[in-house]
Amino acid sequence: MVHTDMPPETVAVGADHAGVALKNKLKEELVHKGYSVLDLGTETEDSVDYPDYAQAVAEAVAQGRAARGLLVCGTGIGMSIAANRHPGIRAAVVRCGEETTLARAHNDANVLCLGARITTEHVARHCLDVFLETKFDGGRHARRIQKLG
């Protein structure tokens, strides 16, 4: 939970048509937990191109308008590929809490990618919680992250 004596951390969220319903549920969860949400779309289930939304979220995180990002598409894979094209972005597709923990602790993931067709809402909420609560371990992992550029 975000501390009330600090400004709320901003999380940029985005989804394509396949992920919009799950994105909206997770957005509500973020607001409930006290986070500020920068919703970069989409808002309907009309077909759209996922790279546009991945780019918007990646830019928001890279530019410091958001501390972290959340992207949802059918599998999470396309969003991850598109977001990872941006310097400073470490987008991770996860399917469970353990993967999410390791993505944050070892890889300092700053964008969480979920697949609405693959991941249940319950698991997605759990992954989001873990993503928000897990700190980067640093140490030997920091050296490796630096090599990513």
C-alpha atoms as a PDB file:
ATOM      1  CA  MET A   1       0.000   0.000   0.000  1.00  0.00           C
ATOM      2  CA  VAL A   2       1.221   3.479  -0.788  1.00  0.00           C
ATOM      3  CA  HIS A   3       1.984   5.526   2.328  1.00  0.00           C
ATOM      4  CA  THR A   4      -0.444   8.424   2.796  1.00  0.00           C
ATOM      5  CA  ASP A   5       2.310  10.859   3.858  1.00  0.00           C
ATOM      6  CA  MET A   6       3.959  10.510   0.435  1.00  0.00           C
ATOM      7  CA  PRO A   7       2.592  11.471  -2.966  1.00  0.00           C
ATOM      8  CA  PRO A   8       0.983   8.470  -4.647  1.00  0.00           C
ATOM      9  CA  GLU A   9       3.168   6.519  -7.011  1.00  0.00           C
ATOM     10  CA  THR A  10       1.931   6.694 -10.584  1.00  0.00           C
ATOM     11  CA  VAL A  11       1.432   3.531 -12.604  1.00  0.00           C
ATOM     12  CA  ALA A  12       0.882   3.875 -16.361  1.00  0.00           C
ATOM     13  CA  VAL A  13      -1.535   1.303 -17.749  1.00  0.00           C
ATOM     14  CA  GLY A  14      -2.327   0.250 -21.284  1.00  0.00           C
ATOM     15  CA  ALA A  15      -4.012  -2.566 -23.145  1.00  0.00           C
ATOM     16  CA  ASP A  16      -5.167  -3.639 -26.542  1.00  0.00           C
ATOM     17  CA  HIS A  17      -8.683  -4.874 -27.311  1.00  0.00           C
ATOM     18  CA  ALA A  18      -7.966  -8.328 -25.865  1.00  0.00           C
ATOM     19  CA  GLY A  19      -6.713  -6.915 -22.574  1.00  0.00           C
ATOM     20  CA  VAL A  20      -8.974  -3.921 -21.971  1.00  0.00           C
ATOM     21  CA  ALA A  21     -11.393  -5.666 -19.586  1.00  0.00           C
ATOM     22  CA  LEU A  22      -8.598  -7.020 -17.379  1.00  0.00           C
ATOM     23  CA  LYS A  23      -6.731  -3.688 -17.556  1.00  0.00           C
ATOM     24  CA  ASN A  24      -9.811  -1.901 -16.258  1.00  0.00           C
ATOM     25  CA  LYS A  25     -10.203  -4.324 -13.346  1.00  0.00           C
ATOM     26  CA  LEU A  26      -6.523  -3.964 -12.419  1.00  0.00           C
ATOM     27  CA  LYS A  27      -6.805  -0.188 -12.768  1.00  0.00           C
ATOM     28  CA  GLU A  28      -9.587  -0.235 -10.160  1.00  0.00           C
ATOM     29  CA  GLU A  29      -7.323  -2.315  -7.908  1.00  0.00           C
ATOM     30  CA  LEU A  30      -4.511   0.234  -8.255  1.00  0.00           C
ATOM     31  CA  VAL A  31      -6.811   3.117  -7.364  1.00  0.00           C
ATOM     32  CA  HIS A  32      -8.167   1.146  -4.402  1.00  0.00           C
ATOM     33  CA  LYS A  33      -4.591   0.651  -3.166  1.00  0.00           C
ATOM     34  CA  GLY A  34      -3.903   4.396  -3.377  1.00  0.00           C
ATOM     35  CA  TYR A  35      -1.893   4.558  -6.588  1.00  0.00           C
ATOM     36  CA  SER A  36      -2.298   7.283  -9.165  1.00  0.00           C
ATOM     37  CA  VAL A  37      -3.137   5.760 -12.547  1.00  0.00           C
ATOM     38  CA  LEU A  38      -2.188   7.136 -15.933  1.00  0.00           C
ATOM     39  CA  ASP A  39      -4.530   5.244 -18.285  1.00  0.00           C
ATOM     40  CA  LEU A  40      -3.167   5.355 -21.823  1.00  0.00           C
ATOM     41  CA  GLY A  41      -5.910   3.225 -23.404  1.00  0.00           C
ATOM     42  CA  THR A  42      -7.527   1.490 -25.099  1.00  0.00           C
ATOM     43  CA  GLU A  43     -11.065   1.853 -23.799  1.00  0.00           C
ATOM     44  CA  THR A  44     -13.046  -0.515 -26.027  1.00  0.00           C
ATOM     45  CA  GLU A  45     -12.839  -4.010 -27.454  1.00  0.00           C
ATOM     46  CA  ASP A  46     -12.558  -2.620 -30.990  1.00  0.00           C
ATOM     47  CA  SER A  47      -9.437  -3.987 -32.680  1.00  0.00           C
ATOM     48  CA  VAL A  48      -6.317  -1.858 -32.137  1.00  0.00           C
ATOM     49  CA  ASP A  49      -2.568  -2.300 -32.585  1.00  0.00           C
ATOM     50  CA  TYR A  50      -0.859  -3.328 -29.320  1.00  0.00           C
ATOM     51  CA  PRO A  51       2.504  -1.648 -30.140  1.00  0.00           C
ATOM     52  CA  ASP A  52       0.849   1.779 -29.910  1.00  0.00           C
ATOM     53  CA  TYR A  53      -0.191   1.182 -26.291  1.00  0.00           C
ATOM     54  CA  ALA A  54       3.075  -0.484 -25.341  1.00  0.00           C
ATOM     55  CA  GLN A  55       4.936   2.535 -26.704  1.00  0.00           C
ATOM     56  CA  ALA A  56       2.751   4.968 -24.761  1.00  0.00           C
ATOM     57  CA  VAL A  57       3.305   3.148 -21.465  1.00  0.00           C
ATOM     58  CA  ALA A  58       7.038   2.620 -22.101  1.00  0.00           C
ATOM     59  CA  GLU A  59       7.489   6.322 -22.864  1.00  0.00           C
ATOM     60  CA  ALA A  60       5.597   7.334 -19.719  1.00  0.00           C
ATOM     61  CA  VAL A  61       7.893   5.157 -17.580  1.00  0.00           C
ATOM     62  CA  ALA A  62      11.095   6.116 -19.426  1.00  0.00           C
ATOM     63  CA  GLN A  63      10.252   9.828 -19.152  1.00  0.00           C
ATOM     64  CA  GLY A  64       9.429   9.573 -15.444  1.00  0.00           C
ATOM     65  CA  ARG A  65       5.732  10.408 -15.808  1.00  0.00           C
ATOM     66  CA  ALA A  66       5.076   7.023 -14.185  1.00  0.00           C
ATOM     67  CA  ALA A  67       7.217   4.964 -11.831  1.00  0.00           C
ATOM     68  CA  ARG A  68       6.015   1.681 -13.310  1.00  0.00           C
ATOM     69  CA  GLY A  69       3.869   0.323 -16.078  1.00  0.00           C
ATOM     70  CA  LEU A  70       1.224  -2.331 -16.606  1.00  0.00           C
ATOM     71  CA  LEU A  71       0.395  -3.712 -20.060  1.00  0.00           C
ATOM     72  CA  VAL A  72      -2.264  -6.265 -20.938  1.00  0.00           C
ATOM     73  CA  CYS A  73      -2.894  -7.994 -24.248  1.00  0.00           C
ATOM     74  CA  GLY A  74      -3.999 -11.506 -25.183  1.00  0.00           C
ATOM     75  CA  THR A  75      -0.795 -13.213 -24.054  1.00  0.00           C
ATOM     76  CA  GLY A  76       1.395 -10.375 -22.742  1.00  0.00           C
ATOM     77  CA  ILE A  77       4.077 -11.366 -25.231  1.00  0.00           C
ATOM     78  CA  GLY A  78       3.443  -8.746 -27.898  1.00  0.00           C
ATOM     79  CA  MET A  79       3.262  -5.965 -25.335  1.00  0.00           C
ATOM     80  CA  SER A  80       6.529  -7.137 -23.787  1.00  0.00           C
ATOM     81  CA  ILE A  81       8.339  -7.245 -27.116  1.00  0.00           C
ATOM     82  CA  ALA A  82       7.109  -3.768 -28.048  1.00  0.00           C
ATOM     83  CA  ALA A  83       7.831  -2.191 -24.652  1.00  0.00           C
ATOM     84  CA  ASN A  84      11.326  -3.677 -24.424  1.00  0.00           C
ATOM     85  CA  ARG A  85      12.353  -1.819 -27.588  1.00  0.00           C
ATOM     86  CA  HIS A  86      12.595   1.341 -25.454  1.00  0.00           C
ATOM     87  CA  PRO A  87      15.797   2.165 -23.532  1.00  0.00           C
ATOM     88  CA  GLY A  88      15.413   1.827 -19.786  1.00  0.00           C
ATOM     89  CA  ILE A  89      12.371  -0.416 -20.008  1.00  0.00           C
ATOM     90  CA  ARG A  90      12.466  -3.889 -18.545  1.00  0.00           C
ATOM     91  CA  ALA A  91       9.080  -5.392 -19.358  1.00  0.00           C
ATOM     92  CA  ALA A  92       8.372  -8.888 -18.094  1.00  0.00           C
ATOM     93  CA  VAL A  93       5.615 -11.284 -19.083  1.00  0.00           C
ATOM     94  CA  VAL A  94       4.597 -13.245 -16.005  1.00  0.00           C
ATOM     95  CA  ARG A  95       2.144 -16.036 -15.314  1.00  0.00           C
ATOM     96  CA  CYS A  96       2.484 -16.462 -11.544  1.00  0.00           C
ATOM     97  CA  GLY A  97       3.651 -14.793  -8.374  1.00  0.00           C
ATOM     98  CA  GLU A  98       7.028 -16.528  -8.376  1.00  0.00           C
ATOM     99  CA  GLU A  99       7.871 -15.247 -11.856  1.00  0.00           C
ATOM    100  CA  THR A 100       6.764 -11.783 -10.783  1.00  0.00           C
ATOM    101  CA  THR A 101       8.941 -11.879  -7.675  1.00  0.00           C
ATOM    102  CA  LEU A 102      11.984 -12.870  -9.703  1.00  0.00           C
ATOM    103  CA  ALA A 103      11.248 -10.319 -12.430  1.00  0.00           C
ATOM    104  CA  ARG A 104      11.303  -7.557  -9.815  1.00  0.00           C
ATOM    105  CA  ALA A 105      14.003  -8.881  -7.456  1.00  0.00           C
ATOM    106  CA  HIS A 106      16.506 -10.047 -10.074  1.00  0.00           C
ATOM    107  CA  ASN A 107      15.604  -8.128 -13.241  1.00  0.00           C
ATOM    108  CA  ASP A 108      14.267  -4.858 -11.767  1.00  0.00           C
ATOM    109  CA  ALA A 109      11.274  -5.129 -14.111  1.00  0.00           C
ATOM    110  CA  ASN A 110       9.520  -1.779 -14.362  1.00  0.00           C
ATOM    111  CA  VAL A 111       6.685  -2.857 -16.660  1.00  0.00           C
ATOM    112  CA  LEU A 112       4.430  -5.811 -15.883  1.00  0.00           C
ATOM    113  CA  CYS A 113       2.925  -7.605 -18.895  1.00  0.00           C
ATOM    114  CA  LEU A 114      -0.040  -9.901 -18.491  1.00  0.00           C
ATOM    115  CA  GLY A 115      -2.041 -12.058 -20.884  1.00  0.00           C
ATOM    116  CA  ALA A 116      -5.793 -11.713 -20.506  1.00  0.00           C
ATOM    117  CA  ARG A 117      -6.395 -14.906 -22.491  1.00  0.00           C
ATOM    118  CA  ILE A 118      -3.859 -16.846 -20.427  1.00  0.00           C
ATOM    119  CA  THR A 119      -4.035 -15.461 -16.887  1.00  0.00           C
ATOM    120  CA  THR A 120      -7.113 -15.505 -14.669  1.00  0.00           C
ATOM    121  CA  GLU A 121      -8.191 -12.297 -12.974  1.00  0.00           C
ATOM    122  CA  HIS A 122      -7.271 -13.771  -9.585  1.00  0.00           C
ATOM    123  CA  VAL A 123      -3.729 -14.628 -10.695  1.00  0.00           C
ATOM    124  CA  ALA A 124      -3.376 -11.265 -12.453  1.00  0.00           C
ATOM    125  CA  ARG A 125      -4.322  -9.425  -9.237  1.00  0.00           C
ATOM    126  CA  HIS A 126      -1.800 -11.489  -7.305  1.00  0.00           C
ATOM    127  CA  CYS A 127       0.930 -10.759  -9.863  1.00  0.00           C
ATOM    128  CA  LEU A 128       0.124  -7.049  -9.681  1.00  0.00           C
ATOM    129  CA  ASP A 129       0.374  -7.092  -5.881  1.00  0.00           C
ATOM    130  CA  VAL A 130       3.725  -8.881  -6.019  1.00  0.00           C
ATOM    131  CA  PHE A 131       4.978  -6.480  -8.710  1.00  0.00           C
ATOM    132  CA  LEU A 132       4.103  -3.484  -6.543  1.00  0.00           C
ATOM    133  CA  GLU A 133       5.475  -4.908  -3.287  1.00  0.00           C
ATOM    134  CA  THR A 134       8.718  -6.602  -4.377  1.00  0.00           C
ATOM    135  CA  LYS A 135      11.918  -4.575  -4.249  1.00  0.00           C
ATOM    136  CA  PHE A 136      14.922  -4.997  -6.529  1.00  0.00           C
ATOM    137  CA  ASP A 137      17.662  -7.015  -4.790  1.00  0.00           C
ATOM    138  CA  GLY A 138      20.516  -5.012  -6.327  1.00  0.00           C
ATOM    139  CA  GLY A 139      23.950  -6.513  -5.670  1.00  0.00           C
ATOM    140  CA  ARG A 140      25.120  -8.859  -8.408  1.00  0.00           C
ATOM    141  CA  HIS A 141      21.817  -8.266 -10.213  1.00  0.00           C
ATOM    142  CA  ALA A 142      22.560  -4.530 -10.575  1.00  0.00           C
ATOM    143  CA  ARG A 143      25.702  -5.322 -12.538  1.00  0.00           C
ATOM    144  CA  ARG A 144      23.663  -7.429 -14.928  1.00  0.00           C
ATOM    145  CA  ILE A 145      20.959  -4.801 -15.337  1.00  0.00           C
ATOM    146  CA  GLN A 146      23.631  -2.238 -16.245  1.00  0.00           C
ATOM    147  CA  LYS A 147      24.713  -4.480 -19.128  1.00  0.00           C
ATOM    148  CA  LEU A 148      21.229  -4.202 -20.605  1.00  0.00           C
ATOM    149  CA  GLY A 149      21.882  -0.547 -21.397  1.00  0.00           C
END
